[in-house]
């Protein structure tokens, strides 16, 4: 549990810190912002691999089964996701705006990218209609938290799976004596 908490808090805090800093700087376009966000998540959630390896080497004598490694990685991903959600809610509270304004701004940037790419007005209008329920859902704090959690958790789930698959083999990244 110690590994889950330590590595999960560090991963979640790093992810939300870097992402909110990039938002505050406002130097990235909509598409760049998406790519940057998921790259940050992937990089910070690589701490799942570190946590599983450290646990395997220190607590398990260099051997860990897939199930235990996956559950450990999953735990880190959940804690990181919760820290990320809390950090996002704090950012929204500190920025002082209506939370749905963030999603509206995101939607407007997406539509501007569609216009720049030459999409028809009908396609742009259809996208706006398609996204409106999400903007409305974002006004509800519980829905917003679930949406925010769903941004980072799948990345953590994937990293946990890869870490467990690799580190179940004791010859993969063996402990140094």
C-alpha atoms as a PDB file:
ATOM      1  CA  UNK A   1       0.000   0.000   0.000  1.00  0.00           C
ATOM      2  CA  UNK A   2       2.943   2.304   0.693  1.00  0.00           C
ATOM      3  CA  UNK A   3       4.147   1.964  -2.894  1.00  0.00           C
ATOM      4  CA  UNK A   4       0.655   2.645  -4.234  1.00  0.00           C
ATOM      5  CA  UNK A   5       0.302   5.832  -2.212  1.00  0.00           C
ATOM      6  CA  UNK A   6       3.806   7.216  -2.705  1.00  0.00           C
ATOM      7  CA  UNK A   7       4.081   6.596  -6.431  1.00  0.00           C
ATOM      8  CA  UNK A   8       0.417   7.392  -7.104  1.00  0.00           C
ATOM      9  CA  UNK A   9       0.570  10.759  -5.365  1.00  0.00           C
ATOM     10  CA  UNK A  10       3.823  11.684  -7.095  1.00  0.00           C
ATOM     11  CA  UNK A  11       2.523  10.649 -10.549  1.00  0.00           C
ATOM     12  CA  UNK A  12      -0.813  12.421 -10.146  1.00  0.00           C
ATOM     13  CA  UNK A  13       0.743  15.590  -8.724  1.00  0.00           C
ATOM     14  CA  UNK A  14       3.340  15.756 -11.502  1.00  0.00           C
ATOM     15  CA  UNK A  15       0.731  15.182 -14.211  1.00  0.00           C
ATOM     16  CA  UNK A  16      -1.688  17.844 -13.012  1.00  0.00           C
ATOM     17  CA  UNK A  17       1.104  20.321 -12.280  1.00  0.00           C
ATOM     18  CA  UNK A  18       2.588  20.060 -15.765  1.00  0.00           C
ATOM     19  CA  UNK A  19      -0.784  20.116 -17.512  1.00  0.00           C
ATOM     20  CA  UNK A  20      -2.148  23.105 -15.597  1.00  0.00           C
ATOM     21  CA  UNK A  21       1.145  24.936 -16.136  1.00  0.00           C
ATOM     22  CA  UNK A  22       0.838  24.364 -19.885  1.00  0.00           C
ATOM     23  CA  UNK A  23      -2.732  25.689 -19.776  1.00  0.00           C
ATOM     24  CA  UNK A  24      -1.628  28.760 -17.856  1.00  0.00           C
ATOM     25  CA  UNK A  25       1.135  29.471 -20.377  1.00  0.00           C
ATOM     26  CA  UNK A  26      -1.352  29.168 -23.274  1.00  0.00           C
ATOM     27  CA  UNK A  27       1.381  28.514 -25.813  1.00  0.00           C
ATOM     28  CA  UNK A  28      -0.102  25.332 -27.292  1.00  0.00           C
ATOM     29  CA  UNK A  29      -2.851  24.954 -29.863  1.00  0.00           C
ATOM     30  CA  UNK A  30      -5.820  22.684 -29.188  1.00  0.00           C
ATOM     31  CA  UNK A  31      -4.242  19.681 -30.921  1.00  0.00           C
ATOM     32  CA  UNK A  32      -0.806  20.317 -29.406  1.00  0.00           C
ATOM     33  CA  UNK A  33      -2.429  20.608 -25.997  1.00  0.00           C
ATOM     34  CA  UNK A  34      -4.084  17.208 -26.350  1.00  0.00           C
ATOM     35  CA  UNK A  35      -0.859  15.529 -27.449  1.00  0.00           C
ATOM     36  CA  UNK A  36       1.121  17.279 -24.728  1.00  0.00           C
ATOM     37  CA  UNK A  37      -1.418  16.276 -22.075  1.00  0.00           C
ATOM     38  CA  UNK A  38      -1.344  12.606 -22.964  1.00  0.00           C
ATOM     39  CA  UNK A  39       2.445  12.579 -23.285  1.00  0.00           C
ATOM     40  CA  UNK A  40       2.687  14.122 -19.815  1.00  0.00           C
ATOM     41  CA  UNK A  41       0.295  11.489 -18.479  1.00  0.00           C
ATOM     42  CA  UNK A  42       2.285   8.695 -20.079  1.00  0.00           C
ATOM     43  CA  UNK A  43       5.585  10.067 -18.790  1.00  0.00           C
ATOM     44  CA  UNK A  44       4.372  10.628 -15.237  1.00  0.00           C
ATOM     45  CA  UNK A  45       2.482   7.341 -15.114  1.00  0.00           C
ATOM     46  CA  UNK A  46       5.695   5.553 -16.041  1.00  0.00           C
ATOM     47  CA  UNK A  47       6.198   5.756 -12.273  1.00  0.00           C
ATOM     48  CA  UNK A  48       3.862   2.746 -12.209  1.00  0.00           C
ATOM     49  CA  UNK A  49       6.656   0.748 -13.831  1.00  0.00           C
ATOM     50  CA  UNK A  50       9.123   2.114 -11.264  1.00  0.00           C
ATOM     51  CA  UNK A  51       6.783   1.249  -8.380  1.00  0.00           C
ATOM     52  CA  UNK A  52       6.204  -2.313  -9.571  1.00  0.00           C
ATOM     53  CA  UNK A  53       9.906  -2.887 -10.214  1.00  0.00           C
ATOM     54  CA  UNK A  54      10.911  -1.453  -6.852  1.00  0.00           C
ATOM     55  CA  UNK A  55       8.271  -3.543  -5.080  1.00  0.00           C
ATOM     56  CA  UNK A  56       9.377  -6.652  -6.976  1.00  0.00           C
ATOM     57  CA  UNK A  57      13.054  -6.081  -6.186  1.00  0.00           C
ATOM     58  CA  UNK A  58      12.789  -4.882  -2.579  1.00  0.00           C
ATOM     59  CA  UNK A  59       9.735  -6.662  -1.161  1.00  0.00           C
ATOM     60  CA  UNK A  60       9.500  -9.796  -3.300  1.00  0.00           C
ATOM     61  CA  UNK A  61      13.126 -10.803  -3.756  1.00  0.00           C
ATOM     62  CA  UNK A  62      13.147 -10.022  -7.477  1.00  0.00           C
ATOM     63  CA  UNK A  63      10.117 -12.149  -8.407  1.00  0.00           C
ATOM     64  CA  UNK A  64       6.513 -11.036  -8.835  1.00  0.00           C
ATOM     65  CA  UNK A  65       3.489 -12.692 -10.393  1.00  0.00           C
ATOM     66  CA  UNK A  66       1.472 -10.933 -13.077  1.00  0.00           C
ATOM     67  CA  UNK A  67      -1.638 -10.526 -10.901  1.00  0.00           C
ATOM     68  CA  UNK A  68       0.168  -8.908  -7.993  1.00  0.00           C
ATOM     69  CA  UNK A  69       2.170  -6.638 -10.317  1.00  0.00           C
ATOM     70  CA  UNK A  70      -0.966  -5.615 -12.201  1.00  0.00           C
ATOM     71  CA  UNK A  71      -2.917  -4.883  -9.005  1.00  0.00           C
ATOM     72  CA  UNK A  72      -0.054  -2.790  -7.667  1.00  0.00           C
ATOM     73  CA  UNK A  73       0.108  -0.849 -10.936  1.00  0.00           C
ATOM     74  CA  UNK A  74      -3.666  -0.480 -10.957  1.00  0.00           C
ATOM     75  CA  UNK A  75      -3.560   0.905  -7.424  1.00  0.00           C
ATOM     76  CA  UNK A  76      -0.956   3.481  -8.418  1.00  0.00           C
ATOM     77  CA  UNK A  77      -3.105   4.435 -11.419  1.00  0.00           C
ATOM     78  CA  UNK A  78      -6.193   4.907  -9.231  1.00  0.00           C
ATOM     79  CA  UNK A  79      -4.339   7.056  -6.685  1.00  0.00           C
ATOM     80  CA  UNK A  80      -2.720   9.089  -9.481  1.00  0.00           C
ATOM     81  CA  UNK A  81      -6.156   9.569 -11.048  1.00  0.00           C
ATOM     82  CA  UNK A  82      -7.656  10.738  -7.760  1.00  0.00           C
ATOM     83  CA  UNK A  83      -4.811  13.194  -7.170  1.00  0.00           C
ATOM     84  CA  UNK A  84      -5.228  14.408 -10.758  1.00  0.00           C
ATOM     85  CA  UNK A  85      -8.966  14.980 -10.193  1.00  0.00           C
ATOM     86  CA  UNK A  86      -8.362  16.845  -6.937  1.00  0.00           C
ATOM     87  CA  UNK A  87      -5.679  18.953  -8.621  1.00  0.00           C
ATOM     88  CA  UNK A  88      -7.998  19.779 -11.521  1.00  0.00           C
ATOM     89  CA  UNK A  89     -10.803  20.783  -9.168  1.00  0.00           C
ATOM     90  CA  UNK A  90      -8.370  23.016  -7.254  1.00  0.00           C
ATOM     91  CA  UNK A  91      -7.219  24.550 -10.528  1.00  0.00           C
ATOM     92  CA  UNK A  92     -10.815  25.254 -11.556  1.00  0.00           C
ATOM     93  CA  UNK A  93     -11.566  26.815  -8.163  1.00  0.00           C
ATOM     94  CA  UNK A  94      -8.401  28.948  -8.286  1.00  0.00           C
ATOM     95  CA  UNK A  95      -9.052  30.132 -11.844  1.00  0.00           C
ATOM     96  CA  UNK A  96     -12.360  31.557 -10.644  1.00  0.00           C
ATOM     97  CA  UNK A  97     -14.418  30.849 -13.753  1.00  0.00           C
ATOM     98  CA  UNK A  98     -17.419  28.658 -14.349  1.00  0.00           C
ATOM     99  CA  UNK A  99     -16.093  25.083 -14.851  1.00  0.00           C
ATOM    100  CA  UNK A 100     -18.166  24.650 -18.014  1.00  0.00           C
ATOM    101  CA  UNK A 101     -16.270  27.630 -19.500  1.00  0.00           C
ATOM    102  CA  UNK A 102     -13.187  25.402 -19.657  1.00  0.00           C
ATOM    103  CA  UNK A 103     -15.014  22.824 -21.747  1.00  0.00           C
ATOM    104  CA  UNK A 104     -16.687  25.528 -23.841  1.00  0.00           C
ATOM    105  CA  UNK A 105     -13.245  26.996 -24.552  1.00  0.00           C
ATOM    106  CA  UNK A 106     -11.991  23.522 -25.482  1.00  0.00           C
ATOM    107  CA  UNK A 107     -14.992  23.020 -27.788  1.00  0.00           C
ATOM    108  CA  UNK A 108     -14.433  26.395 -29.465  1.00  0.00           C
ATOM    109  CA  UNK A 109     -10.777  25.534 -30.062  1.00  0.00           C
ATOM    110  CA  UNK A 110     -11.796  22.166 -31.543  1.00  0.00           C
ATOM    111  CA  UNK A 111     -14.299  23.844 -33.863  1.00  0.00           C
ATOM    112  CA  UNK A 112     -11.706  26.435 -34.902  1.00  0.00           C
ATOM    113  CA  UNK A 113      -9.330  23.586 -35.787  1.00  0.00           C
ATOM    114  CA  UNK A 114     -12.098  21.976 -37.846  1.00  0.00           C
ATOM    115  CA  UNK A 115     -12.675  25.282 -39.691  1.00  0.00           C
ATOM    116  CA  UNK A 116      -8.949  25.663 -40.338  1.00  0.00           C
ATOM    117  CA  UNK A 117      -8.867  22.128 -41.735  1.00  0.00           C
ATOM    118  CA  UNK A 118     -11.657  23.027 -44.166  1.00  0.00           C
ATOM    119  CA  UNK A 119     -14.572  21.219 -42.539  1.00  0.00           C
ATOM    120  CA  UNK A 120     -18.035  22.182 -43.728  1.00  0.00           C
ATOM    121  CA  UNK A 121     -20.283  24.339 -41.575  1.00  0.00           C
ATOM    122  CA  UNK A 122     -22.696  21.399 -41.351  1.00  0.00           C
ATOM    123  CA  UNK A 123     -19.949  19.170 -39.896  1.00  0.00           C
ATOM    124  CA  UNK A 124     -18.937  21.905 -37.458  1.00  0.00           C
ATOM    125  CA  UNK A 125     -22.565  22.421 -36.376  1.00  0.00           C
ATOM    126  CA  UNK A 126     -22.988  18.658 -35.949  1.00  0.00           C
ATOM    127  CA  UNK A 127     -19.874  18.511 -33.754  1.00  0.00           C
ATOM    128  CA  UNK A 128     -21.192  21.405 -31.620  1.00  0.00           C
ATOM    129  CA  UNK A 129     -24.523  19.581 -31.125  1.00  0.00           C
ATOM    130  CA  UNK A 130     -22.669  16.349 -30.361  1.00  0.00           C
ATOM    131  CA  UNK A 131     -20.505  18.034 -27.695  1.00  0.00           C
ATOM    132  CA  UNK A 132     -23.244  20.070 -25.978  1.00  0.00           C
ATOM    133  CA  UNK A 133     -24.295  17.267 -23.575  1.00  0.00           C
ATOM    134  CA  UNK A 134     -20.669  17.066 -22.384  1.00  0.00           C
ATOM    135  CA  UNK A 135     -20.593  20.799 -21.731  1.00  0.00           C
ATOM    136  CA  UNK A 136     -23.813  20.467 -19.713  1.00  0.00           C
ATOM    137  CA  UNK A 137     -22.497  17.422 -17.826  1.00  0.00           C
ATOM    138  CA  UNK A 138     -19.325  19.328 -16.955  1.00  0.00           C
ATOM    139  CA  UNK A 139     -21.418  21.713 -14.824  1.00  0.00           C
ATOM    140  CA  UNK A 140     -22.203  18.854 -12.435  1.00  0.00           C
ATOM    141  CA  UNK A 141     -19.192  18.351 -10.083  1.00  0.00           C
ATOM    142  CA  UNK A 142     -19.574  14.560  -9.906  1.00  0.00           C
ATOM    143  CA  UNK A 143     -19.827  14.228 -13.691  1.00  0.00           C
ATOM    144  CA  UNK A 144     -16.864  16.563 -14.115  1.00  0.00           C
ATOM    145  CA  UNK A 145     -14.784  14.485 -11.704  1.00  0.00           C
ATOM    146  CA  UNK A 146     -15.668  11.277 -13.546  1.00  0.00           C
ATOM    147  CA  UNK A 147     -14.787  12.880 -16.877  1.00  0.00           C
ATOM    148  CA  UNK A 148     -11.479  14.127 -15.464  1.00  0.00           C
ATOM    149  CA  UNK A 149     -10.685  10.703 -13.973  1.00  0.00           C
ATOM    150  CA  UNK A 150     -11.487   9.066 -17.314  1.00  0.00           C
ATOM    151  CA  UNK A 151      -8.824  11.215 -18.990  1.00  0.00           C
ATOM    152  CA  UNK A 152      -5.919   9.795 -17.004  1.00  0.00           C
ATOM    153  CA  UNK A 153      -7.016   6.379 -15.758  1.00  0.00           C
ATOM    154  CA  UNK A 154      -6.976   4.512 -19.112  1.00  0.00           C
ATOM    155  CA  UNK A 155      -3.365   5.618 -19.618  1.00  0.00           C
ATOM    156  CA  UNK A 156      -2.507   4.297 -16.146  1.00  0.00           C
ATOM    157  CA  UNK A 157      -4.355   1.064 -16.851  1.00  0.00           C
ATOM    158  CA  UNK A 158      -2.304   0.540 -19.999  1.00  0.00           C
ATOM    159  CA  UNK A 159       0.981   1.303 -18.222  1.00  0.00           C
ATOM    160  CA  UNK A 160       0.039  -1.056 -15.369  1.00  0.00           C
ATOM    161  CA  UNK A 161      -0.686  -3.836 -17.859  1.00  0.00           C
ATOM    162  CA  UNK A 162       2.601  -3.348 -19.713  1.00  0.00           C
ATOM    163  CA  UNK A 163       4.571  -3.115 -16.457  1.00  0.00           C
ATOM    164  CA  UNK A 164       3.013  -6.321 -15.141  1.00  0.00           C
ATOM    165  CA  UNK A 165       3.655  -8.156 -18.400  1.00  0.00           C
ATOM    166  CA  UNK A 166       7.297  -7.118 -18.478  1.00  0.00           C
ATOM    167  CA  UNK A 167       8.189  -7.310 -14.793  1.00  0.00           C
ATOM    168  CA  UNK A 168       6.645 -10.733 -14.151  1.00  0.00           C
ATOM    169  CA  UNK A 169       9.808 -12.010 -15.819  1.00  0.00           C
ATOM    170  CA  UNK A 170      12.573 -11.861 -13.183  1.00  0.00           C
ATOM    171  CA  UNK A 171      15.202 -11.522 -15.930  1.00  0.00           C
ATOM    172  CA  UNK A 172      13.579  -8.312 -17.200  1.00  0.00           C
ATOM    173  CA  UNK A 173      15.375  -5.396 -15.572  1.00  0.00           C
ATOM    174  CA  UNK A 174      16.935  -7.553 -12.813  1.00  0.00           C
ATOM    175  CA  UNK A 175      17.808  -6.008  -9.480  1.00  0.00           C
ATOM    176  CA  UNK A 176      21.383  -4.854  -9.124  1.00  0.00           C
ATOM    177  CA  UNK A 177      23.354  -6.520  -6.366  1.00  0.00           C
END
